[in-house]
PDB file of N, CA and C in Angstrom:
ATOM      1  N   MET A   1     -39.312  -8.717  -9.289  1.00  0.00           N
ATOM      2  CA  MET A   1     -38.808  -8.668  -7.938  1.00  0.00           C
ATOM      3  C   MET A   1     -39.024  -7.274  -7.356  1.00  0.00           C
ATOM      4  N   SER A   2     -39.486  -7.222  -6.120  1.00  0.00           N
ATOM      5  CA  SER A   2     -39.716  -5.908  -5.518  1.00  0.00           C
ATOM      6  C   SER A   2     -38.400  -5.325  -5.010  1.00  0.00           C
ATOM      7  N   LYS A   3     -38.334  -4.022  -5.027  1.00  0.00           N
ATOM      8  CA  LYS A   3     -37.132  -3.308  -4.592  1.00  0.00           C
ATOM      9  C   LYS A   3     -37.301  -2.879  -3.143  1.00  0.00           C
ATOM     10  N   THR A   4     -36.184  -2.734  -2.455  1.00  0.00           N
ATOM     11  CA  THR A   4     -36.200  -2.243  -1.084  1.00  0.00           C
ATOM     12  C   THR A   4     -35.249  -1.061  -0.976  1.00  0.00           C
ATOM     13  N   TYR A   5     -35.383  -0.328   0.078  1.00  0.00           N
ATOM     14  CA  TYR A   5     -34.599   0.881   0.292  1.00  0.00           C
ATOM     15  C   TYR A   5     -33.450   0.554   1.241  1.00  0.00           C
ATOM     16  N   ILE A   6     -32.227   0.943   0.888  1.00  0.00           N
ATOM     17  CA  ILE A   6     -31.056   0.766   1.751  1.00  0.00           C
ATOM     18  C   ILE A   6     -30.531   2.146   2.098  1.00  0.00           C
ATOM     19  N   GLN A   7     -30.321   2.384   3.367  1.00  0.00           N
ATOM     20  CA  GLN A   7     -29.767   3.664   3.800  1.00  0.00           C
ATOM     21  C   GLN A   7     -28.340   3.419   4.286  1.00  0.00           C
ATOM     22  N   VAL A   8     -27.397   4.188   3.760  1.00  0.00           N
ATOM     23  CA  VAL A   8     -25.982   4.038   4.107  1.00  0.00           C
ATOM     24  C   VAL A   8     -25.448   5.377   4.576  1.00  0.00           C
ATOM     25  N   ARG A   9     -24.705   5.359   5.673  1.00  0.00           N
ATOM     26  CA  ARG A   9     -24.080   6.589   6.153  1.00  0.00           C
ATOM     27  C   ARG A   9     -22.678   6.674   5.561  1.00  0.00           C
ATOM     28  N   ALA A  10     -22.353   7.834   4.999  1.00  0.00           N
ATOM     29  CA  ALA A  10     -21.037   8.047   4.392  1.00  0.00           C
ATOM     30  C   ALA A  10     -20.667   9.515   4.536  1.00  0.00           C
ATOM     31  N   GLU A  11     -19.390   9.787   4.420  1.00  0.00           N
ATOM     32  CA  GLU A  11     -18.941  11.179   4.416  1.00  0.00           C
ATOM     33  C   GLU A  11     -19.554  11.869   3.197  1.00  0.00           C
ATOM     34  N   GLU A  12     -20.047  13.064   3.401  1.00  0.00           N
ATOM     35  CA  GLU A  12     -20.692  13.790   2.306  1.00  0.00           C
ATOM     36  C   GLU A  12     -19.732  13.994   1.138  1.00  0.00           C
ATOM     37  N   SER A  13     -18.485  14.359   1.452  1.00  0.00           N
ATOM     38  CA  SER A  13     -17.512  14.613   0.380  1.00  0.00           C
ATOM     39  C   SER A  13     -17.207  13.331  -0.396  1.00  0.00           C
ATOM     40  N   ASP A  14     -17.159  12.179   0.302  1.00  0.00           N
ATOM     41  CA  ASP A  14     -16.925  10.907  -0.386  1.00  0.00           C
ATOM     42  C   ASP A  14     -18.069  10.604  -1.348  1.00  0.00           C
ATOM     43  N   LYS A  15     -19.289  10.824  -0.879  1.00  0.00           N
ATOM     44  CA  LYS A  15     -20.463  10.567  -1.721  1.00  0.00           C
ATOM     45  C   LYS A  15     -20.430  11.455  -2.963  1.00  0.00           C
ATOM     46  N   GLU A  16     -20.114  12.740  -2.768  1.00  0.00           N
ATOM     47  CA  GLU A  16     -20.084  13.675  -3.892  1.00  0.00           C
ATOM     48  C   GLU A  16     -19.007  13.298  -4.902  1.00  0.00           C
ATOM     49  N   LEU A  17     -17.800  13.012  -4.406  1.00  0.00           N
ATOM     50  CA  LEU A  17     -16.704  12.652  -5.314  1.00  0.00           C
ATOM     51  C   LEU A  17     -17.006  11.355  -6.059  1.00  0.00           C
ATOM     52  N   ALA A  18     -17.506  10.355  -5.325  1.00  0.00           N
ATOM     53  CA  ALA A  18     -17.850   9.081  -5.967  1.00  0.00           C
ATOM     54  C   ALA A  18     -18.939   9.291  -7.016  1.00  0.00           C
ATOM     55  N   SER A  19     -19.941  10.099  -6.696  1.00  0.00           N
ATOM     56  CA  SER A  19     -21.033  10.365  -7.641  1.00  0.00           C
ATOM     57  C   SER A  19     -20.514  11.028  -8.908  1.00  0.00           C
ATOM     58  N   GLU A  20     -19.591  11.977  -8.758  1.00  0.00           N
ATOM     59  CA  GLU A  20     -19.007  12.652  -9.923  1.00  0.00           C
ATOM     60  C   GLU A  20     -18.259  11.659 -10.806  1.00  0.00           C
ATOM     61  N   ILE A  21     -17.465  10.804 -10.180  1.00  0.00           N
ATOM     62  CA  ILE A  21     -16.697   9.807 -10.935  1.00  0.00           C
ATOM     63  C   ILE A  21     -17.639   8.838 -11.638  1.00  0.00           C
ATOM     64  N   LEU A  22     -18.638   8.364 -10.910  1.00  0.00           N
ATOM     65  CA  LEU A  22     -19.577   7.404 -11.494  1.00  0.00           C
ATOM     66  C   LEU A  22     -20.375   8.015 -12.634  1.00  0.00           C
ATOM     67  N   GLU A  23     -20.705   9.299 -12.517  1.00  0.00           N
ATOM     68  CA  GLU A  23     -21.422   9.983 -13.601  1.00  0.00           C
ATOM     69  C   GLU A  23     -20.565   9.995 -14.866  1.00  0.00           C
ATOM     70  N   LYS A  24     -19.263  10.258 -14.700  1.00  0.00           N
ATOM     71  CA  LYS A  24     -18.354  10.246 -15.851  1.00  0.00           C
ATOM     72  C   LYS A  24     -18.267   8.854 -16.464  1.00  0.00           C
ATOM     73  N   LEU A  25     -18.482   7.837 -15.630  1.00  0.00           N
ATOM     74  CA  LEU A  25     -18.461   6.454 -16.115  1.00  0.00           C
ATOM     75  C   LEU A  25     -19.814   6.014 -16.662  1.00  0.00           C
ATOM     76  N   GLY A  26     -20.784   6.922 -16.610  1.00  0.00           N
ATOM     77  CA  GLY A  26     -22.097   6.625 -17.166  1.00  0.00           C
ATOM     78  C   GLY A  26     -22.992   5.819 -16.246  1.00  0.00           C
ATOM     79  N   THR A  27     -22.754   5.915 -14.945  1.00  0.00           N
ATOM     80  CA  THR A  27     -23.581   5.174 -13.996  1.00  0.00           C
ATOM     81  C   THR A  27     -23.817   6.033 -12.755  1.00  0.00           C
ATOM     82  N   ASN A  28     -24.362   5.430 -11.703  1.00  0.00           N
ATOM     83  CA  ASN A  28     -24.627   6.192 -10.480  1.00  0.00           C
ATOM     84  C   ASN A  28     -24.428   5.305  -9.255  1.00  0.00           C
ATOM     85  N   LEU A  29     -24.503   5.918  -8.076  1.00  0.00           N
ATOM     86  CA  LEU A  29     -24.279   5.182  -6.831  1.00  0.00           C
ATOM     87  C   LEU A  29     -25.248   4.023  -6.652  1.00  0.00           C
ATOM     88  N   SER A  30     -26.497   4.245  -6.938  1.00  0.00           N
ATOM     89  CA  SER A  30     -27.503   3.204  -6.762  1.00  0.00           C
ATOM     90  C   SER A  30     -27.165   1.971  -7.599  1.00  0.00           C
ATOM     91  N   THR A  31     -26.803   2.192  -8.845  1.00  0.00           N
ATOM     92  CA  THR A  31     -26.455   1.082  -9.734  1.00  0.00           C
ATOM     93  C   THR A  31     -25.218   0.346  -9.234  1.00  0.00           C
ATOM     94  N   VAL A  32     -24.219   1.107  -8.784  1.00  0.00           N
ATOM     95  CA  VAL A  32     -22.983   0.481  -8.312  1.00  0.00           C
ATOM     96  C   VAL A  32     -23.219  -0.306  -7.023  1.00  0.00           C
ATOM     97  N   VAL A  33     -24.054   0.204  -6.134  1.00  0.00           N
ATOM     98  CA  VAL A  33     -24.387  -0.542  -4.912  1.00  0.00           C
ATOM     99  C   VAL A  33     -25.096  -1.839  -5.293  1.00  0.00           C
ATOM    100  N   ASN A  34     -26.006  -1.778  -6.250  1.00  0.00           N
ATOM    101  CA  ASN A  34     -26.674  -2.998  -6.716  1.00  0.00           C
ATOM    102  C   ASN A  34     -25.676  -3.974  -7.341  1.00  0.00           C
ATOM    103  N   MET A  35     -24.711  -3.450  -8.096  1.00  0.00           N
ATOM    104  CA  MET A  35     -23.670  -4.303  -8.673  1.00  0.00           C
ATOM    105  C   MET A  35     -22.864  -4.977  -7.560  1.00  0.00           C
ATOM    106  N   LEU A  36     -22.534  -4.213  -6.526  1.00  0.00           N
ATOM    107  CA  LEU A  36     -21.785  -4.747  -5.390  1.00  0.00           C
ATOM    108  C   LEU A  36     -22.563  -5.878  -4.720  1.00  0.00           C
ATOM    109  N   LEU A  37     -23.842  -5.646  -4.472  1.00  0.00           N
ATOM    110  CA  LEU A  37     -24.676  -6.676  -3.849  1.00  0.00           C
ATOM    111  C   LEU A  37     -24.712  -7.950  -4.700  1.00  0.00           C
ATOM    112  N   LYS A  38     -24.864  -7.795  -6.018  1.00  0.00           N
ATOM    113  CA  LYS A  38     -24.895  -8.962  -6.912  1.00  0.00           C
ATOM    114  C   LYS A  38     -23.569  -9.723  -6.864  1.00  0.00           C
ATOM    115  N   GLN A  39     -22.457  -8.983  -6.849  1.00  0.00           N
ATOM    116  CA  GLN A  39     -21.142  -9.631  -6.782  1.00  0.00           C
ATOM    117  C   GLN A  39     -20.958 -10.386  -5.468  1.00  0.00           C
ATOM    118  N   ILE A  40     -21.421  -9.812  -4.370  1.00  0.00           N
ATOM    119  CA  ILE A  40     -21.344 -10.496  -3.071  1.00  0.00           C
ATOM    120  C   ILE A  40     -22.121 -11.804  -3.137  1.00  0.00           C
ATOM    121  N   ILE A  41     -23.300 -11.758  -3.729  1.00  0.00           N
ATOM    122  CA  ILE A  41     -24.135 -12.959  -3.849  1.00  0.00           C
ATOM    123  C   ILE A  41     -23.470 -13.991  -4.757  1.00  0.00           C
ATOM    124  N   MET A  42     -22.973 -13.546  -5.911  1.00  0.00           N
ATOM    125  CA  MET A  42     -22.377 -14.473  -6.878  1.00  0.00           C
ATOM    126  C   MET A  42     -21.097 -15.116  -6.358  1.00  0.00           C
ATOM    127  N   THR A  43     -20.243 -14.333  -5.711  1.00  0.00           N
ATOM    128  CA  THR A  43     -18.934 -14.842  -5.282  1.00  0.00           C
ATOM    129  C   THR A  43     -18.935 -15.344  -3.846  1.00  0.00           C
ATOM    130  N   LYS A  44     -20.022 -15.032  -3.136  1.00  0.00           N
ATOM    131  CA  LYS A  44     -20.107 -15.362  -1.711  1.00  0.00           C
ATOM    132  C   LYS A  44     -18.884 -14.829  -0.960  1.00  0.00           C
ATOM    133  N   SER A  45     -18.495 -13.620  -1.349  1.00  0.00           N
ATOM    134  CA  SER A  45     -17.345 -12.961  -0.725  1.00  0.00           C
ATOM    135  C   SER A  45     -17.435 -11.464  -0.984  1.00  0.00           C
ATOM    136  N   ILE A  46     -16.526 -10.730  -0.370  1.00  0.00           N
ATOM    137  CA  ILE A  46     -16.403  -9.307  -0.679  1.00  0.00           C
ATOM    138  C   ILE A  46     -15.594  -9.236  -1.972  1.00  0.00           C
ATOM    139  N   PRO A  47     -16.085  -8.567  -2.998  1.00  0.00           N
ATOM    140  CA  PRO A  47     -15.449  -8.633  -4.314  1.00  0.00           C
ATOM    141  C   PRO A  47     -14.205  -7.760  -4.483  1.00  0.00           C
ATOM    142  N   PHE A  48     -13.543  -7.456  -3.415  1.00  0.00           N
ATOM    143  CA  PHE A  48     -12.251  -6.781  -3.477  1.00  0.00           C
ATOM    144  C   PHE A  48     -11.475  -7.207  -2.251  1.00  0.00           C
ATOM    145  N   GLU A  49     -10.175  -7.011  -2.293  1.00  0.00           N
ATOM    146  CA  GLU A  49      -9.320  -7.496  -1.214  1.00  0.00           C
ATOM    147  C   GLU A  49      -9.511  -6.671   0.052  1.00  0.00           C
ATOM    148  N   VAL A  50      -9.739  -7.361   1.137  1.00  0.00           N
ATOM    149  CA  VAL A  50      -9.851  -6.737   2.448  1.00  0.00           C
ATOM    150  C   VAL A  50      -8.867  -7.464   3.343  1.00  0.00           C
ATOM    151  N   LYS A  51      -7.891  -6.742   3.875  1.00  0.00           N
ATOM    152  CA  LYS A  51      -6.910  -7.418   4.717  1.00  0.00           C
ATOM    153  C   LYS A  51      -6.379  -6.470   5.773  1.00  0.00           C
ATOM    154  N   LEU A  52      -5.863  -7.059   6.805  1.00  0.00           N
ATOM    155  CA  LEU A  52      -5.211  -6.291   7.854  1.00  0.00           C
ATOM    156  C   LEU A  52      -3.782  -6.033   7.432  1.00  0.00           C
ATOM    157  N   ASN A  53      -3.214  -4.949   7.940  1.00  0.00           N
ATOM    158  CA  ASN A  53      -1.804  -4.697   7.660  1.00  0.00           C
ATOM    159  C   ASN A  53      -0.975  -5.844   8.210  1.00  0.00           C
ATOM    160  N   GLU A  54       0.027  -6.222   7.436  1.00  0.00           N
ATOM    161  CA  GLU A  54       0.896  -7.294   7.895  1.00  0.00           C
ATOM    162  C   GLU A  54       1.679  -6.830   9.114  1.00  0.00           C
ATOM    163  N   THR A  55       1.993  -7.790   9.954  1.00  0.00           N
ATOM    164  CA  THR A  55       2.795  -7.483  11.127  1.00  0.00           C
ATOM    165  C   THR A  55       4.161  -7.005  10.665  1.00  0.00           C
ATOM    166  N   SER A  56       4.649  -5.995  11.299  1.00  0.00           N
ATOM    167  CA  SER A  56       5.964  -5.474  10.940  1.00  0.00           C
ATOM    168  C   SER A  56       7.038  -6.515  11.219  1.00  0.00           C
ATOM    169  N   TYR A  57       8.023  -6.525  10.357  1.00  0.00           N
ATOM    170  CA  TYR A  57       9.175  -7.385  10.574  1.00  0.00           C
ATOM    171  C   TYR A  57       9.972  -6.884  11.773  1.00  0.00           C
ATOM    172  N   ALA A  58      10.577  -7.810  12.493  1.00  0.00           N
ATOM    173  CA  ALA A  58      11.567  -7.424  13.496  1.00  0.00           C
ATOM    174  C   ALA A  58      12.760  -6.888  12.719  1.00  0.00           C
ATOM    175  N   GLU A  59      13.597  -6.111  13.362  1.00  0.00           N
ATOM    176  CA  GLU A  59      14.712  -5.474  12.658  1.00  0.00           C
ATOM    177  C   GLU A  59      15.578  -6.493  11.924  1.00  0.00           C
ATOM    178  N   ASP A  60      15.959  -7.577  12.595  1.00  0.00           N
ATOM    179  CA  ASP A  60      16.824  -8.580  11.963  1.00  0.00           C
ATOM    180  C   ASP A  60      16.135  -9.251  10.777  1.00  0.00           C
ATOM    181  N   GLU A  61      14.829  -9.492  10.892  1.00  0.00           N
ATOM    182  CA  GLU A  61      14.080 -10.098   9.787  1.00  0.00           C
ATOM    183  C   GLU A  61      14.039  -9.157   8.590  1.00  0.00           C
ATOM    184  N   ALA A  62      13.812  -7.883   8.848  1.00  0.00           N
ATOM    185  CA  ALA A  62      13.751  -6.898   7.764  1.00  0.00           C
ATOM    186  C   ALA A  62      15.097  -6.807   7.054  1.00  0.00           C
ATOM    187  N   VAL A  63      16.169  -6.745   7.828  1.00  0.00           N
ATOM    188  CA  VAL A  63      17.509  -6.650   7.238  1.00  0.00           C
ATOM    189  C   VAL A  63      17.809  -7.912   6.438  1.00  0.00           C
ATOM    190  N   SER A  64      17.495  -9.082   6.994  1.00  0.00           N
ATOM    191  CA  SER A  64      17.742 -10.348   6.285  1.00  0.00           C
ATOM    192  C   SER A  64      16.982 -10.395   4.966  1.00  0.00           C
ATOM    193  N   GLU A  65      15.751  -9.912   4.978  1.00  0.00           N
ATOM    194  CA  GLU A  65      14.925  -9.886   3.767  1.00  0.00           C
ATOM    195  C   GLU A  65      15.566  -8.993   2.702  1.00  0.00           C
ATOM    196  N   ILE A  66      16.025  -7.830   3.103  1.00  0.00           N
ATOM    197  CA  ILE A  66      16.658  -6.899   2.160  1.00  0.00           C
ATOM    198  C   ILE A  66      17.966  -7.469   1.640  1.00  0.00           C
ATOM    199  N   VAL A  67      18.786  -8.022   2.537  1.00  0.00           N
ATOM    200  CA  VAL A  67      20.070  -8.613   2.141  1.00  0.00           C
ATOM    201  C   VAL A  67      19.828  -9.728   1.123  1.00  0.00           C
ATOM    202  N   ALA A  68      18.862 -10.604   1.387  1.00  0.00           N
ATOM    203  CA  ALA A  68      18.568 -11.718   0.479  1.00  0.00           C
ATOM    204  C   ALA A  68      18.068 -11.220  -0.871  1.00  0.00           C
ATOM    205  N   THR A  69      17.190 -10.232  -0.853  1.00  0.00           N
ATOM    206  CA  THR A  69      16.640  -9.690  -2.094  1.00  0.00           C
ATOM    207  C   THR A  69      17.740  -9.069  -2.950  1.00  0.00           C
ATOM    208  N   LEU A  70      18.593  -8.278  -2.333  1.00  0.00           N
ATOM    209  CA  LEU A  70      19.669  -7.636  -3.088  1.00  0.00           C
ATOM    210  C   LEU A  70      20.716  -8.645  -3.544  1.00  0.00           C
ATOM    211  N   ALA A  71      20.961  -9.682  -2.750  1.00  0.00           N
ATOM    212  CA  ALA A  71      21.923 -10.718  -3.136  1.00  0.00           C
ATOM    213  C   ALA A  71      21.465 -11.427  -4.409  1.00  0.00           C
ATOM    214  N   MET A  72      20.145 -11.601  -4.571  1.00  0.00           N
ATOM    215  CA  MET A  72      19.624 -12.232  -5.790  1.00  0.00           C
ATOM    216  C   MET A  72      19.936 -11.386  -7.017  1.00  0.00           C
ATOM    217  N   GLU A  73      20.143 -10.103  -6.805  1.00  0.00           N
ATOM    218  CA  GLU A  73      20.474  -9.191  -7.910  1.00  0.00           C
ATOM    219  C   GLU A  73      21.981  -8.928  -7.969  1.00  0.00           C
ATOM    220  N   ASN A  74      22.750  -9.777  -7.285  1.00  0.00           N
ATOM    221  CA  ASN A  74      24.212  -9.623  -7.203  1.00  0.00           C
ATOM    222  C   ASN A  74      24.616  -8.275  -6.624  1.00  0.00           C
ATOM    223  N   MET A  75      23.844  -7.812  -5.674  1.00  0.00           N
ATOM    224  CA  MET A  75      24.132  -6.546  -4.991  1.00  0.00           C
ATOM    225  C   MET A  75      24.331  -6.865  -3.509  1.00  0.00           C
ATOM    226  N   ASN A  76      25.547  -7.257  -3.172  1.00  0.00           N
ATOM    227  CA  ASN A  76      25.829  -7.658  -1.797  1.00  0.00           C
ATOM    228  C   ASN A  76      26.052  -6.439  -0.917  1.00  0.00           C
ATOM    229  N   LEU A  77      25.484  -6.484   0.270  1.00  0.00           N
ATOM    230  CA  LEU A  77      25.605  -5.373   1.207  1.00  0.00           C
ATOM    231  C   LEU A  77      26.776  -5.591   2.148  1.00  0.00           C
ATOM    232  N   THR A  78      27.465  -4.506   2.445  1.00  0.00           N
ATOM    233  CA  THR A  78      28.546  -4.557   3.427  1.00  0.00           C
ATOM    234  C   THR A  78      27.948  -4.365   4.818  1.00  0.00           C
ATOM    235  N   LYS A  79      28.768  -4.567   5.832  1.00  0.00           N
ATOM    236  CA  LYS A  79      28.305  -4.334   7.203  1.00  0.00           C
ATOM    237  C   LYS A  79      27.900  -2.872   7.383  1.00  0.00           C
ATOM    238  N   GLU A  80      28.623  -1.979   6.726  1.00  0.00           N
ATOM    239  CA  GLU A  80      28.294  -0.552   6.813  1.00  0.00           C
ATOM    240  C   GLU A  80      26.938  -0.265   6.165  1.00  0.00           C
ATOM    241  N   ASP A  81      26.671  -0.930   5.040  1.00  0.00           N
ATOM    242  CA  ASP A  81      25.366  -0.774   4.381  1.00  0.00           C
ATOM    243  C   ASP A  81      24.243  -1.212   5.317  1.00  0.00           C
ATOM    244  N   ILE A  82      24.465  -2.328   5.989  1.00  0.00           N
ATOM    245  CA  ILE A  82      23.456  -2.856   6.910  1.00  0.00           C
ATOM    246  C   ILE A  82      23.248  -1.899   8.078  1.00  0.00           C
ATOM    247  N   LEU A  83      24.327  -1.300   8.566  1.00  0.00           N
ATOM    248  CA  LEU A  83      24.196  -0.304   9.640  1.00  0.00           C
ATOM    249  C   LEU A  83      23.371   0.889   9.173  1.00  0.00           C
ATOM    250  N   LEU A  84      23.574   1.310   7.919  1.00  0.00           N
ATOM    251  CA  LEU A  84      22.776   2.410   7.365  1.00  0.00           C
ATOM    252  C   LEU A  84      21.297   2.031   7.295  1.00  0.00           C
ATOM    253  N   LEU A  85      21.017   0.790   6.894  1.00  0.00           N
ATOM    254  CA  LEU A  85      19.627   0.320   6.852  1.00  0.00           C
ATOM    255  C   LEU A  85      18.993   0.376   8.237  1.00  0.00           C
ATOM    256  N   LYS A  86      19.730  -0.105   9.228  1.00  0.00           N
ATOM    257  CA  LYS A  86      19.211  -0.109  10.597  1.00  0.00           C
ATOM    258  C   LYS A  86      19.005   1.315  11.096  1.00  0.00           C
ATOM    259  N   GLU A  87      19.938   2.190  10.745  1.00  0.00           N
ATOM    260  CA  GLU A  87      19.838   3.598  11.135  1.00  0.00           C
ATOM    261  C   GLU A  87      18.573   4.217  10.540  1.00  0.00           C
ATOM    262  N   TYR A  88      18.334   3.929   9.265  1.00  0.00           N
ATOM    263  CA  TYR A  88      17.153   4.463   8.592  1.00  0.00           C
ATOM    264  C   TYR A  88      15.879   3.883   9.191  1.00  0.00           C
ATOM    265  N   ARG A  89      15.883   2.573   9.421  1.00  0.00           N
ATOM    266  CA  ARG A  89      14.699   1.900   9.980  1.00  0.00           C
ATOM    267  C   ARG A  89      14.350   2.457  11.351  1.00  0.00           C
ATOM    268  N   ASN A  90      15.344   2.759  12.135  1.00  0.00           N
ATOM    269  CA  ASN A  90      15.115   3.268  13.486  1.00  0.00           C
ATOM    270  C   ASN A  90      14.949   4.781  13.516  1.00  0.00           C
ATOM    271  N   ASP A  91      14.824   5.376  12.323  1.00  0.00           N
ATOM    272  CA  ASP A  91      14.544   6.808  12.198  1.00  0.00           C
ATOM    273  C   ASP A  91      15.629   7.691  12.800  1.00  0.00           C
ATOM    274  N   LYS A  92      16.850   7.182  12.813  1.00  0.00           N
ATOM    275  CA  LYS A  92      17.941   7.982  13.361  1.00  0.00           C
ATOM    276  C   LYS A  92      18.561   8.868  12.294  1.00  0.00           C
ATOM    277  N   SER A  93      18.244   8.582  11.053  1.00  0.00           N
ATOM    278  CA  SER A  93      18.754   9.381   9.944  1.00  0.00           C
ATOM    279  C   SER A  93      17.652   9.534   8.915  1.00  0.00           C
ATOM    280  N   SER A  94      17.649  10.657   8.269  1.00  0.00           N
ATOM    281  CA  SER A  94      16.659  10.850   7.212  1.00  0.00           C
ATOM    282  C   SER A  94      17.121  10.116   5.958  1.00  0.00           C
ATOM    283  N   ALA A  95      16.182   9.773   5.126  1.00  0.00           N
ATOM    284  CA  ALA A  95      16.508   9.105   3.868  1.00  0.00           C
ATOM    285  C   ALA A  95      17.424   9.987   3.032  1.00  0.00           C
ATOM    286  N   ASP A  96      17.176  11.292   3.055  1.00  0.00           N
ATOM    287  CA  ASP A  96      17.991  12.215   2.269  1.00  0.00           C
ATOM    288  C   ASP A  96      19.439  12.211   2.743  1.00  0.00           C
ATOM    289  N   LYS A  97      19.630  12.199   4.052  1.00  0.00           N
ATOM    290  CA  LYS A  97      20.987  12.186   4.620  1.00  0.00           C
ATOM    291  C   LYS A  97      21.727  10.912   4.205  1.00  0.00           C
ATOM    292  N   ILE A  98      21.046   9.781   4.295  1.00  0.00           N
ATOM    293  CA  ILE A  98      21.665   8.512   3.917  1.00  0.00           C
ATOM    294  C   ILE A  98      21.944   8.483   2.420  1.00  0.00           C
ATOM    295  N   ARG A  99      20.996   8.969   1.618  1.00  0.00           N
ATOM    296  CA  ARG A  99      21.178   9.016   0.165  1.00  0.00           C
ATOM    297  C   ARG A  99      22.412   9.837  -0.191  1.00  0.00           C
ATOM    298  N   LYS A 100      22.568  10.999   0.448  1.00  0.00           N
ATOM    299  CA  LYS A 100      23.733  11.850   0.180  1.00  0.00           C
ATOM    300  C   LYS A 100      25.029  11.151   0.566  1.00  0.00           C
ATOM    301  N   LYS A 101      24.999  10.422   1.681  1.00  0.00           N
ATOM    302  CA  LYS A 101      26.189   9.701   2.123  1.00  0.00           C
ATOM    303  C   LYS A 101      26.575   8.634   1.104  1.00  0.00           C
ATOM    304  N   ILE A 102      25.600   7.888   0.622  1.00  0.00           N
ATOM    305  CA  ILE A 102      25.868   6.836  -0.363  1.00  0.00           C
ATOM    306  C   ILE A 102      26.392   7.439  -1.659  1.00  0.00           C
ATOM    307  N   ILE A 103      25.762   8.499  -2.121  1.00  0.00           N
ATOM    308  CA  ILE A 103      26.194   9.148  -3.366  1.00  0.00           C
ATOM    309  C   ILE A 103      27.614   9.667  -3.232  1.00  0.00           C
ATOM    310  N   SER A 104      27.931  10.266  -2.089  1.00  0.00           N
ATOM    311  CA  SER A 104      29.289  10.795  -1.902  1.00  0.00           C
ATOM    312  C   SER A 104      30.322   9.673  -1.918  1.00  0.00           C
ATOM    313  N   GLU A 105      29.970   8.504  -1.391  1.00  0.00           N
ATOM    314  CA  GLU A 105      30.897   7.369  -1.403  1.00  0.00           C
ATOM    315  C   GLU A 105      31.139   6.865  -2.821  1.00  0.00           C
ATOM    316  N   TYR A 106      30.107   6.883  -3.645  1.00  0.00           N
ATOM    317  CA  TYR A 106      30.242   6.363  -4.996  1.00  0.00           C
ATOM    318  C   TYR A 106      30.784   7.394  -5.983  1.00  0.00           C
ATOM    319  N   THR A 107      30.849   8.639  -5.573  1.00  0.00           N
ATOM    320  CA  THR A 107      31.375   9.664  -6.484  1.00  0.00           C
ATOM    321  C   THR A 107      32.766  10.126  -6.081  1.00  0.00           C
ATOM    322  N   LYS A 108      33.357   9.453  -5.080  1.00  0.00           N
ATOM    323  CA  LYS A 108      34.735   9.788  -4.691  1.00  0.00           C
ATOM    324  C   LYS A 108      35.669   9.426  -5.826  1.00  0.00           C
ATOM    325  N   GLU A 109      36.666  10.253  -6.008  1.00  0.00           N
ATOM    326  CA  GLU A 109      37.618   9.983  -7.098  1.00  0.00           C
ATOM    327  C   GLU A 109      38.849   9.318  -6.586  1.00  0.00           C
TER     328      GLU A 109
END
């Protein structure tokens, strides 16, 4: 079978880093590109997951998801806990501030 030339534009630093890694693996970019092409042909697909970011949950959906997940672990949330979640989600409080508040509540004597 005759070979053909493929030209690909990439960031120079990406090419260099990938080449270094592939060299350590005992191969090179050309071989890996050929492997990729063969996999596309064999699987009739892109041989790795390609997806769009999932749509963000609405606030109530996100809270319901967290409440349900924690309930399965017998960790029921109070209304105050849910308010803290909403506060964190809406970026009104830093995670560190909320973490300190929770720790102080659980370390009260």
